[in-house]
Amino acid sequence: MNAAQAQQAPVKIKPATDDVIARLQAQWRQSVVKTAAENKAEENIDELEVGTRMADGAIFAGISPDTELPIFVAPADEEVLLSFDKAQERAVEKSEEEGREYRVPSASELKMIFNSRAAIGGLNLTGDDPEGFYWSSTEVSDVYGRCQCFSNGQLHSDLRTSRNSVRLVRS
């Protein structure tokens, strides 16, 4: 092929797959959604106080004992009580809706949230079953998951089909 033919030949571009498009859209949304205050907060994470509310409403809960990354708690519990598996599914849905990666906190992260409950606020502290019990992402077995009572801080194993409160987190 000579130079003239090369200029006239149509360029074939391989179409992007749906997962590539979705990933790029999520990255774009995340870059747009982050505010200058959040970027500054992430740069100065050691200066953030537990209970500090971010621009998106998420609340700084501390540094995860599992990942050593900052944990931001969603501003409110999920609107309905959820089973263990539905709680995990809801985290995926919220991640897709908001373009940020949400998840159910681990048992040790949930304990950290419990210990900071006054600064975080809005948690159900009644101890009523099931509203005052919060799911963690920690599996005990194929049948049981780990949850925590927020009136006294006790960890429990509950049937994964039981419906409890859920407060999602992001890093």
Protein backbone atom coordinates (compact mmCIF):
# COMPACT_ATOMS: atom_id res chain seq x y z
CA MET A 1 0.00 0.00 0.00
CA ASN A 2 1.42 3.39 -0.99
CA ALA A 3 0.98 6.67 0.94
CA ALA A 4 -2.05 7.77 -1.11
CA GLN A 5 -3.84 4.48 -0.53
CA ALA A 6 -3.04 4.60 3.19
CA GLN A 7 -4.62 8.08 3.49
CA GLN A 8 -7.80 6.90 1.77
CA ALA A 9 -8.16 3.59 3.62
CA PRO A 10 -10.80 3.72 6.34
CA VAL A 11 -9.49 3.36 9.84
CA LYS A 12 -11.03 0.44 11.66
CA ILE A 13 -11.50 1.07 15.35
CA LYS A 14 -12.34 -1.86 17.52
CA PRO A 15 -15.51 -1.03 19.47
CA ALA A 16 -15.09 -0.83 23.24
CA THR A 17 -16.75 -3.56 25.22
CA ASP A 18 -19.51 -2.72 27.69
CA ASP A 19 -17.27 -3.44 30.69
CA VAL A 20 -14.56 -1.08 29.37
CA ILE A 21 -17.13 1.65 28.83
CA ALA A 22 -18.62 1.10 32.29
CA ARG A 23 -15.18 1.25 33.91
CA LEU A 24 -14.28 4.45 32.10
CA GLN A 25 -17.63 6.01 33.01
CA ALA A 26 -17.13 5.08 36.66
CA GLN A 27 -13.63 6.59 36.64
CA TRP A 28 -14.95 9.75 35.05
CA ARG A 29 -17.84 10.03 37.54
CA GLN A 30 -15.47 9.52 40.45
CA SER A 31 -13.10 12.21 39.19
CA VAL A 32 -15.98 14.64 38.71
CA VAL A 33 -17.74 13.81 41.98
CA LYS A 34 -14.66 14.37 44.14
CA THR A 35 -14.52 17.88 45.43
CA ALA A 36 -11.51 19.99 46.24
CA ALA A 37 -12.33 19.53 49.94
CA GLU A 38 -12.29 15.76 49.59
CA ASN A 39 -9.01 15.80 47.71
CA LYS A 40 -7.52 18.00 50.44
CA ALA A 41 -8.98 15.74 53.15
CA GLU A 42 -7.46 12.66 51.53
CA GLU A 43 -4.08 14.39 51.34
CA ASN A 44 -4.34 15.33 55.03
CA ILE A 45 -6.09 12.22 56.33
CA ASP A 46 -4.10 12.34 59.58
CA GLU A 47 -5.73 15.70 60.34
CA LEU A 48 -9.33 14.50 59.83
CA GLU A 49 -11.39 13.95 62.95
CA VAL A 50 -13.81 11.05 63.25
CA GLY A 51 -17.26 12.40 62.47
CA THR A 52 -16.07 14.85 59.78
CA ARG A 53 -18.72 15.00 57.06
CA MET A 54 -17.51 14.99 53.46
CA ALA A 55 -19.15 16.87 50.57
CA ASP A 56 -21.12 13.76 49.52
CA GLY A 57 -22.45 13.32 53.06
CA ALA A 58 -20.18 10.38 53.92
CA ILE A 59 -18.70 10.54 57.42
CA PHE A 60 -15.07 9.85 58.26
CA ALA A 61 -14.99 6.91 60.68
CA GLY A 62 -11.23 6.38 61.03
CA ILE A 63 -8.61 4.10 59.54
CA SER A 64 -9.65 0.53 58.80
CA PRO A 65 -7.91 -2.02 61.03
CA ASP A 66 -8.10 -4.42 58.07
CA THR A 67 -6.92 -2.36 55.10
CA GLU A 68 -5.22 0.59 56.86
CA LEU A 69 -7.19 2.85 54.51
CA PRO A 70 -9.57 5.60 55.61
CA ILE A 71 -13.17 4.51 56.05
CA PHE A 72 -16.10 6.77 55.21
CA VAL A 73 -19.54 5.70 56.45
CA ALA A 74 -22.64 6.35 54.37
CA PRO A 75 -24.69 9.21 55.84
CA ALA A 76 -27.65 6.94 56.68
CA ASP A 77 -28.64 3.33 57.11
CA GLU A 78 -30.13 1.58 54.11
CA GLU A 79 -33.87 2.23 54.01
CA VAL A 80 -34.91 -1.38 54.55
CA LEU A 81 -33.60 -4.25 56.63
CA LEU A 82 -31.58 -6.67 54.50
CA SER A 83 -30.38 -10.25 54.63
CA PHE A 84 -26.62 -10.87 54.69
CA ASP A 85 -26.47 -11.58 50.95
CA LYS A 86 -28.84 -8.74 50.01
CA ALA A 87 -26.60 -6.35 51.98
CA GLN A 88 -23.65 -7.34 49.77
CA GLU A 89 -25.83 -6.87 46.67
CA ARG A 90 -26.95 -3.44 47.89
CA ALA A 91 -23.30 -2.37 48.20
CA VAL A 92 -22.76 -3.24 44.53
CA GLU A 93 -25.93 -1.34 43.53
CA LYS A 94 -24.93 1.76 45.50
CA SER A 95 -21.45 1.62 43.95
CA GLU A 96 -22.97 1.61 40.47
CA GLU A 97 -25.42 4.41 41.37
CA GLU A 98 -22.82 6.74 42.85
CA GLY A 99 -19.66 5.80 40.96
CA ARG A 100 -17.78 5.06 44.20
CA GLU A 101 -16.97 1.68 45.63
CA TYR A 102 -19.23 0.96 48.60
CA ARG A 103 -19.15 -2.23 50.66
CA VAL A 104 -20.45 -3.75 53.86
CA PRO A 105 -17.90 -3.18 56.64
CA SER A 106 -15.97 -6.11 58.08
CA ALA A 107 -16.65 -7.14 61.70
CA SER A 108 -13.57 -5.23 62.92
CA GLU A 109 -14.58 -2.13 60.92
CA LEU A 110 -18.10 -2.39 62.33
CA LYS A 111 -16.62 -2.47 65.83
CA MET A 112 -14.65 0.69 64.97
CA ILE A 113 -17.90 2.33 63.80
CA PHE A 114 -19.62 1.26 67.02
CA ASN A 115 -16.82 2.77 69.10
CA SER A 116 -17.25 6.06 67.18
CA ARG A 117 -21.06 5.95 67.09
CA ALA A 118 -21.51 9.27 68.92
CA ALA A 119 -19.33 11.16 66.42
CA ILE A 120 -20.85 9.39 63.41
CA GLY A 121 -24.47 9.71 64.53
CA GLY A 122 -27.69 8.38 63.06
CA LEU A 123 -27.10 4.75 64.06
CA ASN A 124 -29.85 2.72 65.70
CA LEU A 125 -28.71 2.30 69.31
CA THR A 126 -31.96 0.82 70.66
CA GLY A 127 -30.79 -2.77 70.70
CA ASP A 128 -34.12 -3.73 69.18
CA ASP A 129 -33.87 -6.86 67.12
CA PRO A 130 -33.43 -6.54 64.16
CA GLU A 131 -33.19 -2.73 63.69
CA GLY A 132 -30.42 -2.26 66.29
CA PHE A 133 -28.28 -5.03 64.79
CA TYR A 134 -25.95 -4.23 61.89
CA TRP A 135 -24.53 -6.68 59.37
CA SER A 136 -20.81 -6.97 58.78
CA SER A 137 -19.34 -8.61 55.67
CA THR A 138 -17.71 -11.28 57.85
CA GLU A 139 -18.97 -14.78 57.13
CA VAL A 140 -19.14 -17.26 59.98
CA SER A 141 -20.26 -20.15 57.76
CA ASP A 142 -22.46 -20.86 54.74
CA VAL A 143 -25.43 -20.38 57.07
CA TYR A 144 -24.31 -17.62 59.48
CA GLY A 145 -22.90 -14.12 59.16
CA ARG A 146 -21.46 -11.75 61.78
CA CYS A 147 -23.56 -8.84 63.03
CA GLN A 148 -23.24 -6.40 65.92
CA CYS A 149 -25.77 -5.02 68.38
CA PHE A 150 -25.30 -1.26 68.56
CA SER A 151 -26.83 -0.80 72.01
CA ASN A 152 -24.10 -2.79 73.77
CA GLY A 153 -21.48 -3.58 71.10
CA GLN A 154 -21.81 -7.36 71.32
CA LEU A 155 -20.96 -9.34 68.21
CA HIS A 156 -23.40 -12.07 67.21
CA SER A 157 -23.73 -14.78 64.62
CA ASP A 158 -27.05 -14.55 62.83
CA LEU A 159 -28.66 -16.57 60.08
CA ARG A 160 -27.70 -15.08 56.74
CA THR A 161 -31.40 -15.02 55.84
CA SER A 162 -32.18 -12.79 58.85
CA ARG A 163 -32.82 -9.16 58.04
CA ASN A 164 -30.75 -6.56 59.90
CA SER A 165 -29.74 -2.93 59.50
CA VAL A 166 -26.94 -2.04 57.09
CA ARG A 167 -24.63 0.99 57.03
CA LEU A 168 -22.35 0.85 54.00
CA VAL A 169 -18.80 2.19 53.91
CA ARG A 170 -16.30 3.30 51.30
CA SER A 171 -12.56 3.84 51.41
